[in-house]
Protein backbone atom coordinates (compact mmCIF):
# COMPACT_ATOMS: atom_id res chain seq x y z
CA MET A 1 -91.00 3.76 18.03
CA LYS A 2 -94.02 2.99 20.20
CA LYS A 3 -93.68 3.47 23.95
CA GLU A 4 -94.99 0.98 26.50
CA LYS A 5 -95.22 0.84 30.28
CA LEU A 6 -94.49 -2.31 32.26
CA LEU A 7 -95.07 -3.29 35.88
CA VAL A 8 -91.92 -5.31 36.53
CA LEU A 9 -92.69 -8.54 38.38
CA ALA A 10 -89.79 -10.77 37.37
CA LYS A 11 -86.01 -10.31 37.27
CA THR A 12 -83.95 -13.48 36.95
CA TYR A 13 -80.32 -14.00 37.85
CA PRO A 14 -78.03 -12.81 35.01
CA VAL A 15 -77.15 -15.25 32.23
CA ILE A 16 -74.28 -15.20 29.78
CA SER A 17 -74.68 -13.48 26.41
CA ARG A 18 -71.83 -13.24 23.92
CA LYS A 19 -73.20 -9.98 22.50
CA TYR A 20 -74.18 -8.16 25.70
CA GLU A 21 -71.91 -10.05 28.17
CA HIS A 22 -74.65 -10.68 30.74
CA LEU A 23 -78.41 -10.40 30.33
CA VAL A 24 -81.27 -10.23 32.83
CA CYS A 25 -84.66 -11.71 31.97
CA VAL A 26 -87.34 -9.15 32.81
CA ALA A 27 -91.09 -9.73 32.66
CA GLY A 28 -94.30 -8.26 34.01
CA LEU A 29 -97.69 -6.84 33.16
CA THR A 30 -98.51 -3.97 30.82
CA GLU A 31 -100.98 -1.22 31.64
CA ASP A 32 -103.81 -3.28 30.11
CA ASN A 33 -102.70 -6.27 32.22
CA ASN A 34 -101.14 -8.35 29.47
CA TRP A 35 -98.01 -10.37 30.07
CA ARG A 36 -94.79 -9.05 28.56
CA ARG A 37 -91.20 -10.30 28.40
CA ILE A 38 -88.65 -7.69 27.34
CA TYR A 39 -85.05 -7.92 26.16
CA PRO A 40 -82.21 -7.21 25.87
CA ILE A 41 -81.67 -5.96 29.42
CA PRO A 42 -77.89 -5.89 29.90
CA TRP A 43 -76.53 -6.47 33.38
CA GLU A 44 -74.60 -3.19 32.99
CA LEU A 45 -77.85 -1.31 33.66
CA PHE A 46 -77.54 -2.56 37.24
CA TRP A 47 -73.88 -2.93 38.15
CA ARG A 48 -72.82 0.49 36.98
CA GLY A 49 -75.29 2.26 39.24
CA SER A 50 -77.23 3.38 36.19
CA GLU A 51 -80.15 5.79 36.59
CA LYS A 52 -82.08 3.18 34.62
CA LYS A 53 -81.73 0.64 37.42
CA PHE A 54 -85.08 -0.69 38.56
CA LYS A 55 -86.46 -3.36 40.87
CA LYS A 56 -89.49 -5.60 41.04
CA LYS A 57 -92.89 -4.00 41.71
CA THR A 58 -91.82 -0.86 39.82
CA TRP A 59 -93.29 0.62 36.64
CA ILE A 60 -90.89 1.37 33.80
CA GLU A 61 -91.41 2.90 30.36
CA TYR A 62 -89.44 2.07 27.21
CA LYS A 63 -89.58 2.15 23.44
CA LEU A 64 -90.45 -0.99 21.51
CA VAL A 65 -88.18 -1.85 18.60
CA TYR A 66 -91.05 -3.85 17.10
CA ASP A 67 -94.65 -3.98 18.30
CA ARG A 68 -94.84 -7.71 17.61
CA PRO A 69 -93.39 -10.89 19.16
CA SER A 70 -89.60 -10.98 18.90
CA ASP A 71 -89.38 -14.77 19.18
CA ARG A 72 -91.83 -17.68 19.00
CA ARG A 73 -93.34 -16.72 22.37
CA PRO A 74 -96.24 -14.26 21.99
CA GLU A 75 -95.35 -12.15 25.05
CA SER A 76 -91.75 -11.39 24.00
CA ARG A 77 -90.77 -7.94 22.75
CA LYS A 78 -87.42 -6.46 21.78
CA ILE A 79 -86.93 -3.00 23.25
CA ASP A 80 -84.49 -0.13 23.05
CA PHE A 81 -82.96 -0.61 26.51
CA GLU A 82 -81.34 2.82 26.37
CA SER A 83 -84.84 4.33 26.32
CA ILE A 84 -85.83 2.81 29.68
CA ARG A 85 -87.30 5.33 32.10
CA VAL A 86 -87.94 4.31 35.71
CA LEU A 87 -91.35 5.35 37.07
CA ASP A 88 -93.09 4.74 40.40
CA GLU A 89 -93.22 1.69 42.63
CA GLU A 90 -96.67 0.05 42.66
CA ASP A 91 -98.85 -0.56 45.73
CA PHE A 92 -98.94 -4.30 46.55
CA ARG A 93 -102.73 -4.15 46.77
CA GLU A 94 -102.82 -3.23 43.07
CA ILE A 95 -100.24 -5.90 42.27
CA LYS A 96 -102.37 -8.48 44.06
CA ARG A 97 -105.48 -7.36 42.18
CA ARG A 98 -103.73 -7.66 38.84
CA LEU A 99 -102.19 -11.06 39.60
CA ASP A 100 -105.44 -12.50 40.95
CA GLU A 101 -107.04 -11.68 37.60
CA LYS A 102 -104.36 -13.72 35.81
CA LEU A 103 -104.17 -16.83 38.01
CA ALA A 104 -103.66 -20.05 36.07
CA ASN A 105 -103.40 -23.81 36.52
CA LEU A 106 -99.97 -25.26 35.73
CA ASP A 107 -101.48 -28.61 34.77
CA GLU A 108 -103.33 -26.85 31.97
CA LEU A 109 -100.36 -24.65 31.00
CA GLU A 110 -98.13 -27.69 30.50
CA ASP A 111 -100.59 -28.99 27.91
CA LYS A 112 -100.11 -25.84 25.81
CA ASP A 113 -97.33 -24.91 23.39
CA ASP A 114 -95.19 -21.89 24.30
CA ARG A 115 -96.25 -20.35 20.99
CA GLU A 116 -99.64 -19.96 22.68
CA VAL A 117 -98.60 -18.93 26.20
CA SER A 118 -95.18 -18.55 27.84
CA LEU A 119 -95.82 -16.37 30.92
CA SER A 120 -98.30 -16.90 33.71
CA VAL A 121 -98.86 -16.79 37.47
CA ILE A 122 -100.00 -19.24 40.13
CA LYS A 123 -100.59 -19.22 43.89
CA PRO A 124 -98.66 -22.32 44.97
CA ILE A 125 -99.36 -24.73 47.79
CA LEU A 126 -95.82 -25.51 48.92
CA LYS A 127 -94.72 -29.05 49.73
CA ASP A 128 -90.92 -28.84 49.83
CA PHE A 129 -87.82 -26.95 48.71
CA VAL A 130 -84.83 -28.89 47.38
CA TRP A 131 -81.48 -28.25 45.70
CA THR A 132 -78.84 -30.06 43.70
CA ASP A 133 -75.48 -29.18 42.21
CA SER A 134 -75.92 -27.10 39.07
CA GLU A 135 -74.61 -28.71 35.90
CA TYR A 136 -74.78 -25.23 34.37
CA PHE A 137 -72.28 -23.78 36.84
CA GLU A 138 -69.01 -25.01 35.26
CA LYS A 139 -70.27 -24.20 31.77
CA VAL A 140 -71.07 -20.61 32.73
CA GLU A 141 -67.75 -20.23 34.52
CA GLU A 142 -65.92 -21.24 31.37
CA MET A 143 -68.04 -18.96 29.18
CA SER A 144 -67.37 -16.05 31.53
CA LYS A 145 -63.64 -16.44 30.99
CA GLN A 146 -64.10 -16.25 27.23
CA ILE A 147 -66.20 -13.06 27.20
CA THR A 148 -64.12 -9.89 27.24
CA LEU A 149 -64.63 -6.21 26.60
CA GLY A 150 -62.24 -3.40 25.67
CA GLU A 151 -58.64 -4.31 26.44
CA GLY A 152 -59.37 -7.98 26.87
CA LYS A 153 -60.76 -7.61 30.38
CA SER A 154 -64.25 -8.65 31.38
CA ALA A 155 -66.37 -5.67 32.40
CA VAL A 156 -67.66 -7.39 35.51
CA LYS A 157 -67.36 -10.76 37.23
CA ILE A 158 -70.72 -12.36 37.97
CA ASP A 159 -70.77 -14.89 40.80
CA VAL A 160 -72.76 -17.87 39.59
CA PRO A 161 -74.85 -20.00 41.97
CA ASP A 162 -73.44 -23.52 41.97
CA LYS A 163 -76.76 -24.92 43.18
CA LYS A 164 -80.05 -25.44 41.41
CA PHE A 165 -83.00 -24.59 43.67
CA GLN A 166 -86.42 -26.15 43.11
CA PHE A 167 -89.81 -25.68 44.72
CA VAL A 168 -92.04 -28.70 45.18
CA PHE A 169 -95.69 -27.64 45.12
CA ARG A 170 -99.24 -28.05 43.93
CA CYS A 171 -100.28 -25.20 41.65
CA CYS A 172 -103.80 -24.81 43.10
CA ARG A 173 -106.31 -26.63 45.25
CA ASP A 174 -107.63 -28.53 42.23
CA CYS A 175 -104.12 -29.53 41.08
CA LYS A 176 -103.90 -33.23 40.23
CA LYS A 177 -100.15 -33.64 40.75
CA THR A 178 -97.10 -32.30 42.57
CA HIS A 179 -94.73 -30.16 40.52
CA THR A 180 -90.98 -29.79 41.04
CA ILE A 181 -89.71 -26.73 39.18
CA MET A 182 -86.48 -24.74 39.19
CA CYS A 183 -86.54 -21.16 40.48
CA GLU A 184 -84.38 -18.48 38.81
CA ASP A 185 -85.51 -15.51 40.91
CA TRP A 186 -82.85 -12.77 41.18
CA GLU A 187 -83.44 -12.27 44.91
CA MET A 188 -82.91 -15.96 45.63
CA GLY A 189 -79.66 -16.04 43.66
CA ILE A 190 -78.29 -12.98 45.45
CA LEU A 191 -79.22 -14.39 48.87
CA TYR A 192 -77.47 -17.67 48.13
CA ILE A 193 -74.28 -15.94 46.91
CA LYS A 194 -74.15 -13.81 50.07
CA MET A 195 -74.74 -16.81 52.35
CA ARG A 196 -72.18 -18.90 50.43
CA GLU A 197 -69.50 -16.29 51.11
CA LYS A 198 -70.11 -16.68 54.85
CA ASP A 199 -70.61 -20.45 55.05
CA PRO A 200 -70.91 -22.61 51.88
CA LYS A 201 -72.32 -25.63 53.73
CA SER A 202 -75.20 -23.83 55.43
CA ALA A 203 -76.00 -21.45 52.53
CA PRO A 204 -78.65 -23.67 50.83
CA ILE A 205 -80.32 -24.32 54.19
CA LYS A 206 -80.57 -20.59 54.87
CA VAL A 207 -82.08 -20.00 51.42
CA LYS A 208 -84.65 -22.70 52.12
CA ASN A 209 -85.49 -21.17 55.48
CA GLU A 210 -86.13 -17.79 53.89
CA PHE A 211 -88.07 -18.87 50.80
CA TYR A 212 -89.84 -21.97 52.15
CA ASN A 213 -90.41 -21.10 55.81
CA GLU A 214 -90.34 -17.33 56.35
CA ILE A 215 -91.72 -15.76 53.16
CA PRO A 216 -94.80 -18.05 52.90
CA LYS A 217 -95.82 -17.05 56.44
CA LYS A 218 -96.73 -13.63 55.06
CA GLY A 219 -99.34 -15.17 52.75
CA HIS A 220 -100.24 -13.73 49.35
CA LEU A 221 -97.44 -15.76 47.72
CA TYR A 222 -97.25 -15.86 43.91
CA PHE A 223 -94.97 -17.62 41.45
CA ILE A 224 -94.42 -15.90 38.10
CA LEU A 225 -93.85 -18.69 35.58
CA GLY A 226 -92.04 -18.43 32.25
CA THR A 227 -90.93 -20.93 29.64
CA HIS A 228 -87.29 -21.65 28.83
CA ASN A 229 -86.30 -19.89 25.62
CA ILE A 230 -84.81 -23.07 24.14
CA HIS A 231 -86.47 -26.07 25.77
CA GLY A 232 -89.92 -24.59 26.32
CA SER A 233 -90.17 -26.06 29.84
CA TRP A 234 -91.74 -23.99 32.61
CA LEU A 235 -89.55 -22.22 35.19
CA ILE A 236 -90.29 -20.07 38.21
CA VAL A 237 -88.84 -16.74 37.10
CA SER A 238 -89.98 -14.76 40.13
CA VAL A 239 -91.35 -15.12 43.65
CA VAL A 240 -93.72 -12.25 44.47
CA TYR A 241 -94.81 -11.61 48.05
CA PRO A 242 -95.67 -8.67 50.33
CA LYS A 243 -93.28 -6.80 52.59
CA GLN A 244 -94.30 -5.93 56.15
CA ASN A 245 -95.73 -2.53 55.23
CA ASP A 246 -97.72 -4.22 52.45
CA LEU A 247 -99.25 -6.58 55.02
CA ASP A 248 -100.35 -3.65 57.14
CA LEU A 249 -102.18 -2.14 54.15
CA LEU A 250 -103.69 -5.51 53.20
CA ARG A 251 -105.04 -6.02 56.71
CA GLN A 252 -106.84 -2.69 56.40
CA GLN A 253 -108.77 -4.26 53.53
CA ILE A 254 -109.50 -7.33 55.71
CA LEU A 255 -108.13 -9.64 53.01
CA PRO A 256 -107.51 -13.34 53.69
CA ILE A 257 -103.82 -14.36 53.51
CA SER A 258 -104.36 -17.64 51.67
């Protein structure tokens, strides 16, 4: 089987899978800067403290089961997840360079079929951050009860966000309309679950403060966009931004933060 390296830029919150129990959507850029979505990535790679555990902004290597699209979306590939090898974390300056080369316009993406393109990146101009109760929450809770392993016991209990978070934004300076799109970023889901355990009422407000107020202050904000595997609609599958040490390196290059 052919090997491939991927710069991981997107990890979504786990979803239910009857075959693998829970799956994580993983996407990023290959060495030649092409978009790639890989699966299956079972949640067990993460919760068991596996040596294969990886995070965003890290390069991984794996074997492709087929070197061709594994569903209707051209960027999708099925991999041998047991072959995953974790490599080095990438410098944010290189991540920024790669993403800037791939910047798109969501207005134009929405006019295309997901058989043509199903992964992309934008630099959003934020307008608001909103949330509603998730209609998916009760469905997932019920599905979780039905999925069992071994002696009839579920391998792990995944806390499911009971809120649906959406960014309101323009996709670029030339954007003709305001978009309101759901965000499925892993980091956002984890933050909400932690805040909900402390105070359910204030949890969404704290998530908004972090992702709408604090993170954008750093500049160099990117949304990785991906299409829904069934409906074909666009989702924000990852929020990519620099950490403090990344900002220090970026300032050395005298880069603008817009």
